[in-house]
Amino acid sequence: MKKLLIAFVAFPLFFASCISDSGPPGPPGQDGEDGIDGEDGINILGQIFEVTINFNSNNEYSEVVDIPSQIEVFDTDIIMVYILIDVIDGTDVWEPLPQTLFFGDHILLYGFNFTVVDVELFLDGTINLDDLNSDFTDGIVFRIAVLPADAVANIDLDTLSMEDLMGSMDKQEIIKLN
């Protein structure tokens, strides 16, 4: 009984000792080069646009998409491309390019390259592209993000999902082409 009474007294004291105020605030963030207070977190002013592509032998399974004129791209900017792979309960599911699919011994690659004025989206691989089901060639939706390089220098772009990217950007309206 004495042990039980000690437990009832010690137990609340144990938890009470774990509760304290939050303490003093930490130091302010580092100021920018111009001496102005820096902003908290990441705030990227990027631009995003979408395009829907039909790949076929007529376009040699490649499509060059002009970057919309209202988006200014500099030589130092980074372009990321995502492919819409599914829609689950009304939510788009995006994966970054390049995207590789395996068909037994054969490979299909969705890839891209870019300049400051356009983005080339293409199919490649060891599979005969003429034999592909239209699910892999027709109406393929891509989301293209133009990111200022100086703003994303400390971001791990290799693992950046579309949701993470959208969450870190000062989002503009997504431009939909075609």
Protein backbone atom coordinates (compact mmCIF):
# COMPACT_ATOMS: atom_id res chain seq x y z
CA MET A 1 0.00 0.00 0.00
CA LYS A 2 2.88 2.33 0.87
CA LYS A 3 4.46 1.64 -2.56
CA LEU A 4 1.16 2.39 -4.29
CA LEU A 5 0.87 5.71 -2.41
CA ILE A 6 4.44 6.64 -3.37
CA ALA A 7 3.64 5.83 -7.01
CA PHE A 8 0.55 8.08 -6.95
CA VAL A 9 2.61 10.95 -5.53
CA ALA A 10 5.77 10.42 -7.66
CA PHE A 11 3.97 9.88 -10.96
CA PRO A 12 2.40 13.39 -11.19
CA LEU A 13 5.64 14.97 -9.95
CA PHE A 14 7.56 13.20 -12.72
CA PHE A 15 5.28 14.62 -15.42
CA ALA A 16 5.18 18.06 -13.79
CA SER A 17 8.97 18.21 -13.97
CA CYS A 18 8.79 17.70 -17.76
CA ILE A 19 6.62 20.77 -18.25
CA SER A 20 8.28 24.17 -18.56
CA ASP A 21 7.96 27.42 -20.45
CA SER A 22 9.34 27.58 -23.98
CA GLY A 23 12.40 29.55 -22.93
CA PRO A 24 13.86 32.66 -24.52
CA PRO A 25 13.52 33.18 -28.29
CA GLY A 26 16.43 32.17 -30.49
CA PRO A 27 18.61 34.59 -32.41
CA PRO A 28 17.18 36.30 -35.51
CA GLY A 29 17.94 34.90 -38.94
CA GLN A 30 20.89 36.05 -41.03
CA ASP A 31 20.43 39.34 -42.85
CA GLY A 32 20.73 39.48 -46.62
CA GLU A 33 23.76 40.92 -48.43
CA ASP A 34 21.98 44.27 -48.66
CA GLY A 35 21.62 44.46 -44.86
CA ILE A 36 17.86 43.93 -44.97
CA ASP A 37 16.39 41.32 -42.63
CA GLY A 38 16.29 37.95 -44.35
CA GLU A 39 13.04 36.08 -44.92
CA ASP A 40 12.14 32.95 -43.00
CA GLY A 41 12.32 29.69 -44.91
CA ILE A 42 12.36 29.32 -48.66
CA ASN A 43 10.39 31.65 -50.88
CA ILE A 44 10.90 30.86 -54.55
CA LEU A 45 9.22 32.98 -57.17
CA GLY A 46 8.98 30.35 -59.88
CA GLN A 47 6.70 29.84 -62.82
CA ILE A 48 4.85 26.66 -63.76
CA PHE A 49 3.07 25.65 -66.92
CA GLU A 50 1.38 22.48 -68.14
CA VAL A 51 1.29 20.88 -71.54
CA THR A 52 -0.39 17.79 -72.96
CA ILE A 53 1.57 15.81 -75.56
CA ASN A 54 0.73 13.08 -78.06
CA PHE A 55 3.87 11.14 -78.96
CA ASN A 56 3.87 9.33 -82.32
CA SER A 57 6.03 8.48 -85.30
CA ASN A 58 4.97 11.71 -87.06
CA ASN A 59 6.71 13.81 -84.37
CA GLU A 60 9.42 11.16 -83.91
CA TYR A 61 8.19 10.63 -80.32
CA SER A 62 9.43 14.09 -79.39
CA GLU A 63 7.78 17.48 -78.91
CA VAL A 64 9.44 20.85 -78.47
CA VAL A 65 7.35 23.12 -76.27
CA ASP A 66 7.99 26.85 -76.29
CA ILE A 67 8.21 28.42 -72.86
CA PRO A 68 5.29 30.88 -72.62
CA SER A 69 6.31 34.46 -73.40
CA GLN A 70 5.18 35.70 -69.97
CA ILE A 71 7.81 33.47 -68.31
CA GLU A 72 11.30 34.94 -68.38
CA VAL A 73 14.05 32.29 -68.23
CA PHE A 74 17.68 33.10 -67.49
CA ASP A 75 20.73 30.98 -68.33
CA THR A 76 21.17 30.18 -64.65
CA ASP A 77 17.57 29.06 -64.05
CA ILE A 78 16.68 25.44 -63.40
CA ILE A 79 13.86 23.65 -65.18
CA MET A 80 12.15 20.66 -63.60
CA VAL A 81 9.59 18.53 -65.47
CA TYR A 82 6.97 16.26 -63.89
CA ILE A 83 4.68 13.71 -65.53
CA LEU A 84 1.12 13.12 -64.37
CA ILE A 85 0.99 9.40 -63.59
CA ASP A 86 -2.38 9.12 -61.85
CA VAL A 87 -5.30 10.95 -60.28
CA ILE A 88 -6.38 9.53 -56.92
CA ASP A 89 -9.57 10.87 -55.33
CA GLY A 90 -9.28 14.02 -57.43
CA THR A 91 -5.63 14.60 -56.47
CA ASP A 92 -2.98 14.65 -59.21
CA VAL A 93 0.01 12.34 -58.70
CA TRP A 94 3.21 13.71 -60.29
CA GLU A 95 6.64 12.11 -60.72
CA PRO A 96 9.81 13.91 -61.80
CA LEU A 97 11.48 13.22 -65.14
CA PRO A 98 13.37 11.34 -66.29
CA GLN A 99 10.93 8.48 -65.75
CA THR A 100 11.91 4.92 -66.72
CA LEU A 101 9.40 2.11 -67.25
CA PHE A 102 10.38 -1.54 -67.65
CA PHE A 103 8.59 -3.99 -69.95
CA GLY A 104 10.33 -7.33 -69.45
CA ASP A 105 13.70 -6.89 -71.16
CA HIS A 106 12.73 -3.56 -72.69
CA ILE A 107 12.89 -0.01 -71.35
CA LEU A 108 10.77 3.08 -72.03
CA LEU A 109 12.14 6.46 -70.96
CA TYR A 110 10.26 9.76 -70.68
CA GLY A 111 12.95 12.42 -70.82
CA PHE A 112 13.51 16.11 -71.42
CA ASN A 113 16.09 18.74 -72.20
CA PHE A 114 15.75 22.50 -72.24
CA THR A 115 17.06 25.88 -73.32
CA VAL A 116 16.00 29.34 -72.16
CA VAL A 117 13.27 29.38 -74.83
CA ASP A 118 11.92 25.82 -74.98
CA VAL A 119 11.68 22.37 -73.45
CA GLU A 120 11.94 19.18 -75.50
CA LEU A 121 9.92 16.24 -74.15
CA PHE A 122 10.67 12.85 -75.67
CA LEU A 123 10.33 9.08 -75.49
CA ASP A 124 13.37 6.83 -75.77
CA GLY A 125 14.37 3.33 -74.84
CA THR A 126 14.90 -0.17 -76.11
CA ILE A 127 11.21 -0.87 -76.69
CA ASN A 128 9.76 -0.44 -80.18
CA LEU A 129 7.97 2.89 -79.74
CA ASP A 130 5.59 2.10 -82.63
CA ASP A 131 4.24 -0.86 -80.62
CA LEU A 132 3.39 1.15 -77.49
CA ASN A 133 -0.17 1.23 -76.21
CA SER A 134 -1.74 4.69 -76.59
CA ASP A 135 -1.84 4.94 -72.75
CA PHE A 136 1.91 5.59 -72.96
CA THR A 137 1.84 7.99 -75.92
CA ASP A 138 -1.44 9.96 -76.11
CA GLY A 139 -2.60 12.77 -73.88
CA ILE A 140 0.44 12.68 -71.61
CA VAL A 141 0.34 15.65 -69.22
CA PHE A 142 3.56 17.33 -68.11
CA ARG A 143 4.05 20.10 -65.58
CA ILE A 144 7.13 22.24 -66.21
CA ALA A 145 8.60 24.41 -63.44
CA VAL A 146 11.07 27.22 -64.10
CA LEU A 147 13.05 27.93 -60.93
CA PRO A 148 15.51 30.76 -60.31
CA ALA A 149 18.85 29.09 -59.52
CA ASP A 150 19.88 31.50 -56.77
CA ALA A 151 16.68 30.77 -54.83
CA VAL A 152 17.02 26.98 -55.00
CA ALA A 153 20.75 26.64 -54.36
CA ASN A 154 20.21 24.91 -50.98
CA ILE A 155 17.29 22.66 -51.96
CA ASP A 156 17.78 18.93 -52.65
CA LEU A 157 16.23 18.86 -56.14
CA ASP A 158 16.95 15.15 -56.59
CA THR A 159 14.25 14.27 -54.08
CA LEU A 160 11.95 17.25 -54.51
CA SER A 161 8.40 16.11 -55.22
CA MET A 162 5.91 18.30 -57.08
CA GLU A 163 4.04 18.84 -53.80
CA ASP A 164 7.25 19.93 -52.02
CA LEU A 165 8.12 22.21 -54.89
CA MET A 166 4.65 23.78 -54.98
CA GLY A 167 4.74 24.22 -51.21
CA SER A 168 8.08 26.06 -51.30
CA MET A 169 7.18 28.37 -54.17
CA ASP A 170 5.48 31.72 -54.07
CA LYS A 171 3.01 30.20 -56.49
CA GLN A 172 1.76 31.98 -59.54
CA GLU A 173 -1.19 30.68 -61.53
CA ILE A 174 -0.28 27.54 -63.49
CA ILE A 175 -0.34 28.27 -67.22
CA LYS A 176 -2.04 25.50 -69.21
CA LEU A 177 -1.01 25.16 -72.84
CA ASN A 178 -3.10 23.32 -75.50
